[in-house]
All heavy atoms as atom14 arrays in JSON, in Angstrom:
{
  "sequence": "IVALLLIPQGLAYAQLAGLPASGGLYASIVPV",
  "atom14_mask": [
    [1, 1, 1, 1, 1, 1, 1, 1, 0, 0, 0, 0, 0, 0],
    [1, 1, 1, 1, 1, 1, 1, 0, 0, 0, 0, 0, 0, 0],
    [1, 1, 1, 1, 1, 0, 0, 0, 0, 0, 0, 0, 0, 0],
    [1, 1, 1, 1, 1, 1, 1, 1, 0, 0, 0, 0, 0, 0],
    [1, 1, 1, 1, 1, 1, 1, 1, 0, 0, 0, 0, 0, 0],
    [1, 1, 1, 1, 1, 1, 1, 1, 0, 0, 0, 0, 0, 0],
    [1, 1, 1, 1, 1, 1, 1, 1, 0, 0, 0, 0, 0, 0],
    [1, 1, 1, 1, 1, 1, 1, 0, 0, 0, 0, 0, 0, 0],
    [1, 1, 1, 1, 1, 1, 1, 1, 1, 0, 0, 0, 0, 0],
    [1, 1, 1, 1, 0, 0, 0, 0, 0, 0, 0, 0, 0, 0],
    [1, 1, 1, 1, 1, 1, 1, 1, 0, 0, 0, 0, 0, 0],
    [1, 1, 1, 1, 1, 0, 0, 0, 0, 0, 0, 0, 0, 0],
    [1, 1, 1, 1, 1, 1, 1, 1, 1, 1, 1, 1, 0, 0],
    [1, 1, 1, 1, 1, 0, 0, 0, 0, 0, 0, 0, 0, 0],
    [1, 1, 1, 1, 1, 1, 1, 1, 1, 0, 0, 0, 0, 0],
    [1, 1, 1, 1, 1, 1, 1, 1, 0, 0, 0, 0, 0, 0],
    [1, 1, 1, 1, 1, 0, 0, 0, 0, 0, 0, 0, 0, 0],
    [1, 1, 1, 1, 0, 0, 0, 0, 0, 0, 0, 0, 0, 0],
    [1, 1, 1, 1, 1, 1, 1, 1, 0, 0, 0, 0, 0, 0],
    [1, 1, 1, 1, 1, 1, 1, 0, 0, 0, 0, 0, 0, 0],
    [1, 1, 1, 1, 1, 0, 0, 0, 0, 0, 0, 0, 0, 0],
    [1, 1, 1, 1, 1, 1, 0, 0, 0, 0, 0, 0, 0, 0],
    [1, 1, 1, 1, 0, 0, 0, 0, 0, 0, 0, 0, 0, 0],
    [1, 1, 1, 1, 0, 0, 0, 0, 0, 0, 0, 0, 0, 0],
    [1, 1, 1, 1, 1, 1, 1, 1, 0, 0, 0, 0, 0, 0],
    [1, 1, 1, 1, 1, 1, 1, 1, 1, 1, 1, 1, 0, 0],
    [1, 1, 1, 1, 1, 0, 0, 0, 0, 0, 0, 0, 0, 0],
    [1, 1, 1, 1, 1, 1, 0, 0, 0, 0, 0, 0, 0, 0],
    [1, 1, 1, 1, 1, 1, 1, 1, 0, 0, 0, 0, 0, 0],
    [1, 1, 1, 1, 1, 1, 1, 0, 0, 0, 0, 0, 0, 0],
    [1, 1, 1, 1, 1, 1, 1, 0, 0, 0, 0, 0, 0, 0],
    [1, 1, 1, 1, 1, 1, 1, 0, 0, 0, 0, 0, 0, 0]
  ],
  "atom14_positions": [
    [[0.83, -1.21, 0.0], [0.0, 0.0, 0.0], [0.87, 1.25, 0.0], [0.61, 2.2, -0.75], [-0.97, -0.01, 1.2], [-2.02, -1.11, 1.0], [-1.63, 1.34, 1.39], [-2.87, -1.4, 2.19], [0.0, 0.0, 0.0], [0.0, 0.0, 0.0], [0.0, 0.0, 0.0], [0.0, 0.0, 0.0], [0.0, 0.0, 0.0], [0.0, 0.0, 0.0]],
    [[1.91, 1.27, 0.81], [2.81, 2.42, 0.85], [3.47, 2.62, -0.52], [3.57, 3.75, -1.01], [3.87, 2.26, 1.96], [4.99, 3.28, 1.81], [3.22, 2.38, 3.32], [0.0, 0.0, 0.0], [0.0, 0.0, 0.0], [0.0, 0.0, 0.0], [0.0, 0.0, 0.0], [0.0, 0.0, 0.0], [0.0, 0.0, 0.0], [0.0, 0.0, 0.0]],
    [[3.9, 1.53, -1.15], [4.53, 1.65, -2.48], [3.54, 2.19, -3.5], [3.89, 3.03, -4.34], [5.07, 0.29, -2.92], [0.0, 0.0, 0.0], [0.0, 0.0, 0.0], [0.0, 0.0, 0.0], [0.0, 0.0, 0.0], [0.0, 0.0, 0.0], [0.0, 0.0, 0.0], [0.0, 0.0, 0.0], [0.0, 0.0, 0.0], [0.0, 0.0, 0.0]],
    [[2.29, 1.72, -3.45], [1.28, 2.2, -4.4], [1.0, 3.69, -4.23], [0.66, 4.37, -5.2], [-0.02, 1.41, -4.24], [0.03, -0.04, -4.71], [-1.26, -0.77, -4.34], [0.27, -0.12, -6.21], [0.0, 0.0, 0.0], [0.0, 0.0, 0.0], [0.0, 0.0, 0.0], [0.0, 0.0, 0.0], [0.0, 0.0, 0.0], [0.0, 0.0, 0.0]],
    [[1.16, 4.19, -3.04], [0.96, 5.62, -2.79], [2.23, 6.43, -3.0], [2.2, 7.53, -3.56], [0.44, 5.84, -1.37], [-0.91, 5.25, -1.05], [-1.21, 5.36, 0.43], [-2.0, 5.92, -1.86], [0.0, 0.0, 0.0], [0.0, 0.0, 0.0], [0.0, 0.0, 0.0], [0.0, 0.0, 0.0], [0.0, 0.0, 0.0], [0.0, 0.0, 0.0]],
    [[3.35, 5.9, -2.55], [4.6, 6.65, -2.54], [5.23, 6.79, -3.93], [5.77, 7.85, -4.26], [5.59, 5.99, -1.59], [6.91, 6.73, -1.35], [6.65, 8.07, -0.71], [7.83, 5.89, -0.48], [0.0, 0.0, 0.0], [0.0, 0.0, 0.0], [0.0, 0.0, 0.0], [0.0, 0.0, 0.0], [0.0, 0.0, 0.0], [0.0, 0.0, 0.0]],
    [[5.17, 5.76, -4.74], [5.84, 5.82, -6.04], [5.21, 6.88, -6.96], [5.94, 7.72, -7.5], [5.92, 4.43, -6.69], [6.91, 3.58, -5.87], [6.35, 4.52, -8.15], [7.0, 2.13, -6.28], [0.0, 0.0, 0.0], [0.0, 0.0, 0.0], [0.0, 0.0, 0.0], [0.0, 0.0, 0.0], [0.0, 0.0, 0.0], [0.0, 0.0, 0.0]],
    [[3.88, 6.93, -7.15], [3.34, 8.02, -7.98], [3.6, 9.4, -7.38], [3.85, 10.36, -8.11], [1.83, 7.73, -8.02], [1.68, 6.31, -7.62], [2.85, 5.99, -6.75], [0.0, 0.0, 0.0], [0.0, 0.0, 0.0], [0.0, 0.0, 0.0], [0.0, 0.0, 0.0], [0.0, 0.0, 0.0], [0.0, 0.0, 0.0], [0.0, 0.0, 0.0]],
    [[3.56, 9.48, -6.06], [3.85, 10.74, -5.39], [5.29, 11.15, -5.69], [5.57, 12.31, -6.0], [3.63, 10.57, -3.89], [3.92, 11.8, -3.07], [3.73, 11.53, -1.59], [3.37, 10.43, -1.17], [3.98, 12.53, -0.79], [0.0, 0.0, 0.0], [0.0, 0.0, 0.0], [0.0, 0.0, 0.0], [0.0, 0.0, 0.0], [0.0, 0.0, 0.0]],
    [[6.22, 10.21, -5.61], [7.61, 10.51, -5.91], [7.82, 10.94, -7.35], [8.61, 11.84, -7.63], [0.0, 0.0, 0.0], [0.0, 0.0, 0.0], [0.0, 0.0, 0.0], [0.0, 0.0, 0.0], [0.0, 0.0, 0.0], [0.0, 0.0, 0.0], [0.0, 0.0, 0.0], [0.0, 0.0, 0.0], [0.0, 0.0, 0.0], [0.0, 0.0, 0.0]],
    [[7.11, 10.31, -8.27], [7.2, 10.7, -9.69], [6.74, 12.14, -9.88], [7.38, 12.92, -10.58], [6.36, 9.75, -10.55], [6.79, 8.28, -10.58], [5.77, 7.46, -11.37], [8.17, 8.12, -11.14], [0.0, 0.0, 0.0], [0.0, 0.0, 0.0], [0.0, 0.0, 0.0], [0.0, 0.0, 0.0], [0.0, 0.0, 0.0], [0.0, 0.0, 0.0]],
    [[5.63, 12.48, -9.25], [5.08, 13.84, -9.39], [6.01, 14.86, -8.74], [6.25, 15.94, -9.31], [3.69, 13.91, -8.75], [0.0, 0.0, 0.0], [0.0, 0.0, 0.0], [0.0, 0.0, 0.0], [0.0, 0.0, 0.0], [0.0, 0.0, 0.0], [0.0, 0.0, 0.0], [0.0, 0.0, 0.0], [0.0, 0.0, 0.0], [0.0, 0.0, 0.0]],
    [[6.55, 14.55, -7.56], [7.42, 15.49, -6.88], [8.73, 15.68, -7.62], [9.31, 16.76, -7.59], [7.67, 15.06, -5.44], [6.47, 15.24, -4.53], [6.37, 14.54, -3.35], [5.43, 16.09, -4.87], [5.27, 14.71, -2.51], [4.34, 16.26, -4.04], [4.26, 15.56, -2.86], [3.18, 15.73, -2.04], [0.0, 0.0, 0.0], [0.0, 0.0, 0.0]],
    [[9.22, 14.66, -8.3], [10.43, 14.82, -9.11], [10.17, 15.81, -10.23], [11.0, 16.68, -10.49], [10.86, 13.47, -9.68], [0.0, 0.0, 0.0], [0.0, 0.0, 0.0], [0.0, 0.0, 0.0], [0.0, 0.0, 0.0], [0.0, 0.0, 0.0], [0.0, 0.0, 0.0], [0.0, 0.0, 0.0], [0.0, 0.0, 0.0], [0.0, 0.0, 0.0]],
    [[9.03, 15.69, -10.88], [8.7, 16.63, -11.95], [8.51, 18.04, -11.41], [8.88, 19.01, -12.05], [7.47, 16.15, -12.71], [7.76, 14.89, -13.5], [6.54, 14.33, -14.2], [5.43, 14.4, -13.68], [6.75, 13.79, -15.38], [0.0, 0.0, 0.0], [0.0, 0.0, 0.0], [0.0, 0.0, 0.0], [0.0, 0.0, 0.0], [0.0, 0.0, 0.0]],
    [[7.94, 18.15, -10.21], [7.78, 19.45, -9.58], [9.14, 20.09, -9.3], [9.3, 21.3, -9.42], [6.99, 19.31, -8.27], [6.73, 20.56, -7.46], [5.86, 21.54, -8.26], [6.05, 20.22, -6.15], [0.0, 0.0, 0.0], [0.0, 0.0, 0.0], [0.0, 0.0, 0.0], [0.0, 0.0, 0.0], [0.0, 0.0, 0.0], [0.0, 0.0, 0.0]],
    [[10.13, 19.27, -8.98], [11.49, 19.76, -8.73], [12.24, 20.05, -10.02], [13.37, 20.52, -9.98], [12.26, 18.75, -7.88], [0.0, 0.0, 0.0], [0.0, 0.0, 0.0], [0.0, 0.0, 0.0], [0.0, 0.0, 0.0], [0.0, 0.0, 0.0], [0.0, 0.0, 0.0], [0.0, 0.0, 0.0], [0.0, 0.0, 0.0], [0.0, 0.0, 0.0]],
    [[11.64, 19.75, -11.18], [12.3, 19.97, -12.45], [13.2, 18.83, -12.87], [14.08, 19.0, -13.7], [0.0, 0.0, 0.0], [0.0, 0.0, 0.0], [0.0, 0.0, 0.0], [0.0, 0.0, 0.0], [0.0, 0.0, 0.0], [0.0, 0.0, 0.0], [0.0, 0.0, 0.0], [0.0, 0.0, 0.0], [0.0, 0.0, 0.0], [0.0, 0.0, 0.0]],
    [[12.97, 17.66, -12.3], [13.8, 16.49, -12.6], [12.99, 15.47, -13.38], [11.76, 15.5, -13.36], [14.29, 15.87, -11.29], [15.19, 16.78, -10.46], [15.33, 16.24, -9.04], [16.54, 16.93, -11.12], [0.0, 0.0, 0.0], [0.0, 0.0, 0.0], [0.0, 0.0, 0.0], [0.0, 0.0, 0.0], [0.0, 0.0, 0.0], [0.0, 0.0, 0.0]],
    [[13.66, 14.53, -14.05], [12.94, 13.47, -14.73], [12.14, 12.64, -13.72], [12.56, 12.46, -12.57], [14.03, 12.61, -15.37], [15.28, 13.41, -15.29], [15.11, 14.42, -14.22], [0.0, 0.0, 0.0], [0.0, 0.0, 0.0], [0.0, 0.0, 0.0], [0.0, 0.0, 0.0], [0.0, 0.0, 0.0], [0.0, 0.0, 0.0], [0.0, 0.0, 0.0]],
    [[11.0, 12.14, -14.14], [10.13, 11.37, -13.25], [10.85, 10.16, -12.67], [10.61, 9.77, -11.52], [8.87, 10.93, -14.0], [0.0, 0.0, 0.0], [0.0, 0.0, 0.0], [0.0, 0.0, 0.0], [0.0, 0.0, 0.0], [0.0, 0.0, 0.0], [0.0, 0.0, 0.0], [0.0, 0.0, 0.0], [0.0, 0.0, 0.0], [0.0, 0.0, 0.0]],
    [[11.78, 9.58, -13.43], [12.51, 8.4, -12.92], [13.3, 8.73, -11.66], [13.52, 7.86, -10.82], [13.44, 7.85, -14.0], [14.38, 8.83, -14.39], [0.0, 0.0, 0.0], [0.0, 0.0, 0.0], [0.0, 0.0, 0.0], [0.0, 0.0, 0.0], [0.0, 0.0, 0.0], [0.0, 0.0, 0.0], [0.0, 0.0, 0.0], [0.0, 0.0, 0.0]],
    [[13.72, 9.97, -11.5], [14.41, 10.37, -10.28], [13.52, 10.23, -9.07], [14.0, 9.99, -7.95], [0.0, 0.0, 0.0], [0.0, 0.0, 0.0], [0.0, 0.0, 0.0], [0.0, 0.0, 0.0], [0.0, 0.0, 0.0], [0.0, 0.0, 0.0], [0.0, 0.0, 0.0], [0.0, 0.0, 0.0], [0.0, 0.0, 0.0], [0.0, 0.0, 0.0]],
    [[12.22, 10.35, -9.28], [11.27, 10.18, -8.18], [11.24, 8.76, -7.66], [10.94, 8.53, -6.48], [0.0, 0.0, 0.0], [0.0, 0.0, 0.0], [0.0, 0.0, 0.0], [0.0, 0.0, 0.0], [0.0, 0.0, 0.0], [0.0, 0.0, 0.0], [0.0, 0.0, 0.0], [0.0, 0.0, 0.0], [0.0, 0.0, 0.0], [0.0, 0.0, 0.0]],
    [[11.55, 7.79, -8.52], [11.62, 6.4, -8.05], [12.74, 6.24, -7.03], [12.56, 5.62, -5.99], [11.83, 5.45, -9.22], [10.66, 5.31, -10.19], [11.06, 4.43, -11.37], [9.45, 4.74, -9.48], [0.0, 0.0, 0.0], [0.0, 0.0, 0.0], [0.0, 0.0, 0.0], [0.0, 0.0, 0.0], [0.0, 0.0, 0.0], [0.0, 0.0, 0.0]],
    [[13.9, 6.82, -7.34], [15.02, 6.74, -6.41], [14.71, 7.51, -5.13], [15.04, 7.06, -4.04], [16.3, 7.27, -7.05], [16.71, 6.49, -8.27], [16.68, 7.06, -9.53], [17.12, 5.17, -8.14], [17.05, 6.32, -10.65], [17.5, 4.43, -9.25], [17.45, 5.02, -10.49], [17.82, 4.29, -11.6], [0.0, 0.0, 0.0], [0.0, 0.0, 0.0]],
    [[14.08, 8.68, -5.28], [13.75, 9.49, -4.11], [12.67, 8.83, -3.25], [12.52, 9.17, -2.08], [13.28, 10.87, -4.55], [0.0, 0.0, 0.0], [0.0, 0.0, 0.0], [0.0, 0.0, 0.0], [0.0, 0.0, 0.0], [0.0, 0.0, 0.0], [0.0, 0.0, 0.0], [0.0, 0.0, 0.0], [0.0, 0.0, 0.0], [0.0, 0.0, 0.0]],
    [[11.93, 7.9, -3.82], [10.89, 7.19, -3.06], [11.43, 5.94, -2.39], [11.03, 5.61, -1.28], [9.75, 6.78, -4.0], [9.13, 7.89, -4.57], [0.0, 0.0, 0.0], [0.0, 0.0, 0.0], [0.0, 0.0, 0.0], [0.0, 0.0, 0.0], [0.0, 0.0, 0.0], [0.0, 0.0, 0.0], [0.0, 0.0, 0.0], [0.0, 0.0, 0.0]],
    [[12.31, 5.25, -3.06], [12.75, 3.93, -2.59], [13.97, 4.01, -1.68], [14.01, 3.4, -0.61], [13.01, 3.0, -3.79], [11.7, 2.76, -4.53], [13.63, 1.68, -3.33], [11.87, 2.08, -5.88], [0.0, 0.0, 0.0], [0.0, 0.0, 0.0], [0.0, 0.0, 0.0], [0.0, 0.0, 0.0], [0.0, 0.0, 0.0], [0.0, 0.0, 0.0]],
    [[14.98, 4.77, -2.07], [16.24, 4.8, -1.33], [16.05, 5.31, 0.11], [16.56, 4.67, 1.04], [17.32, 5.61, -2.08], [18.56, 5.81, -1.25], [17.66, 4.91, -3.4], [0.0, 0.0, 0.0], [0.0, 0.0, 0.0], [0.0, 0.0, 0.0], [0.0, 0.0, 0.0], [0.0, 0.0, 0.0], [0.0, 0.0, 0.0], [0.0, 0.0, 0.0]],
    [[15.32, 6.41, 0.35], [15.17, 6.85, 1.74], [14.45, 5.83, 2.63], [14.77, 5.71, 3.82], [14.33, 8.14, 1.63], [14.55, 8.62, 0.25], [14.74, 7.38, -0.58], [0.0, 0.0, 0.0], [0.0, 0.0, 0.0], [0.0, 0.0, 0.0], [0.0, 0.0, 0.0], [0.0, 0.0, 0.0], [0.0, 0.0, 0.0], [0.0, 0.0, 0.0]],
    [[13.51, 5.09, 2.06], [12.81, 4.08, 2.84], [13.78, 2.97, 3.25], [13.76, 2.51, 4.4], [11.62, 3.51, 2.04], [10.99, 2.33, 2.74], [10.58, 4.6, 1.78], [0.0, 0.0, 0.0], [0.0, 0.0, 0.0], [0.0, 0.0, 0.0], [0.0, 0.0, 0.0], [0.0, 0.0, 0.0], [0.0, 0.0, 0.0], [0.0, 0.0, 0.0]]
  ]
}
C-alpha cells in the first residue's frame, strides 16, 4: 500500500522539482 501511494507521489514530486520522473523512483525507494 505504501509503495502504491509513494511511487506516484515521488514521480510527481520529481517533476515538480524539475527532474525526470525516474528520479522520483530513487527518491521514493532509497530513503525508505
